[in-house]
Every structure is written in structure tokens, then in C-alpha cells.
Amino acid sequence: MTTGGKTTVLARLTVRSDDGLPVRISRVPAREAAERELSDPRYHQHDPNPIQRALNWLWDRVGELFHTAAGATPGGWAGLLALVAFVLLLVIALRLRLGAVRRTPATRGSLFADTPRTAAEHRTAAERHAAEGRWNEAVQDRMRALVLALEERALLTPGPGRTADEAAGEAGLVLPAYAARLRGAARTFDEVAYGGRPGTERAYAQLTDLDTELQRAKPDLTAAPTRSRG
């Protein structure tokens, strides 16, 4: 309600005697009379609606927050703006440095999803994909070649339905020196094949090195026999 409205109310509440002199009214009757007068809709037609009042309250709190932050920051508002700009630049730099956020695959599917081929055939396909810069396909075919080569050497029992994790776990039992690298290779395969992470030249090179080394690796004959998961 405006100041003019308050003046109008006071004028309406002024009681005068027959000779024109103001008459003093006790506090309680005066307050009740004022409340009745102020309840008249005419005095509230320009009041903000509940939504506007809530927004006004919210902006007041935000303003208080920024004023408090500016007061606590060296340099006042200029220092606060500089701090916000620094944080934004830091976030952008970290984003550029780390690249795309790695997504963990929700599910891990079978290692072999197409018609069975030999290790040599998968290696040839992987090399062709790599030459074309198709790193997703190159990584997947190289991992399949790696596992098939172990099956062809009878170090793994053939298991058409096994996952990359299962193959890596079983291979790590007979080739314990490579267990950690095998788990890493399986994780890379799952992230590329099922987790949406793009394959890279570096990931393919690591798989190629591991595949080449495993072709010459000798098994640990004291290890427990592998189990088929197919």
C-alpha cells in the first residue's frame, strides 16, 4: 500500500466533534477501525501477487549473498568477478586437458558377436581399421585376435559367449605376469564396445604390443586349469 493510501486511511479515521475539533479515540478501538479500513480491497489492488512477492524475496536474498561475498573478497566486486572468471577458466582448462568424461559401460556384452574367425583374420581386420583411422573397430578386433590366439594355443578353453573380462581373468591364471595388462585390455574393450568411449591410436598400440608379447609368452604350468564360460 502506498504512502498516499496511508494518508487516506488516517483521514478517514479522523473523528471530529460537532464543532469541528478532533476527538481522541482510545488505542484499541482506533486499531480495530484501522484494520477494518485497511481490509478494503481498494487499498490492495496494486499489491504484488504471491509469485511476484516470492520472486522479490528470492532476488533480495541473492543480492544479499553477492554483497556478502563481495565484502569478503579482496577488491570487492572487482575481486569477486575476477575470482569467478578464474574458476570458469580453470573448469575449461580441466575439460580440455582431460577430454571427454569417461563413461563406465552399463553392461558388458559378449566378446565375439559375429561369425567366428581366426586370430589371424581378426588381426588383419584390426590393421585395416587402424590404417583407415577407425580406432573403435581396430581396438575391438585386436582384442578378439588376442583372445583367439590364446584359444588356438590351448591356453584358454574356447568359450563363444564369454565376455572380455572373463577371458582376461582366465588368461591371467595361466599367464600371471600379464594379468594386470589383460584386465586393462578387457576394460578398454568394454569401454569402447559398450561404454561409448572412443577408441584411440594409443589404446590400439597398447593392445597390439600385448598381443605380440602374448604370442611368445610361456604359460605357468602350476596354475589352475581354465574354465569354459561358454
Foldseek 3Di string as FASTA:
>chain_A
DDPVVVVVLVVVLFDADPVGHTDDDDDPVSVVSSVVVCVPCVNCPPPDDPVVVVVVVVVVVVVVVLQVVQVVAPPRPVRVVVVVVVVVVVVVVVCVVVDDDQFQFPDFFFLDDDDDDALVVLCVVLVVCVVVVQQLSNLSSLLVSLLRLCVVVVQAPDARGDTQQLSLCSNCQFVVVCSVVSNVSSRVNRSSVGVVDGGDPVNSVSSVVVSVVVNPDGTDPVGDHGDHPD
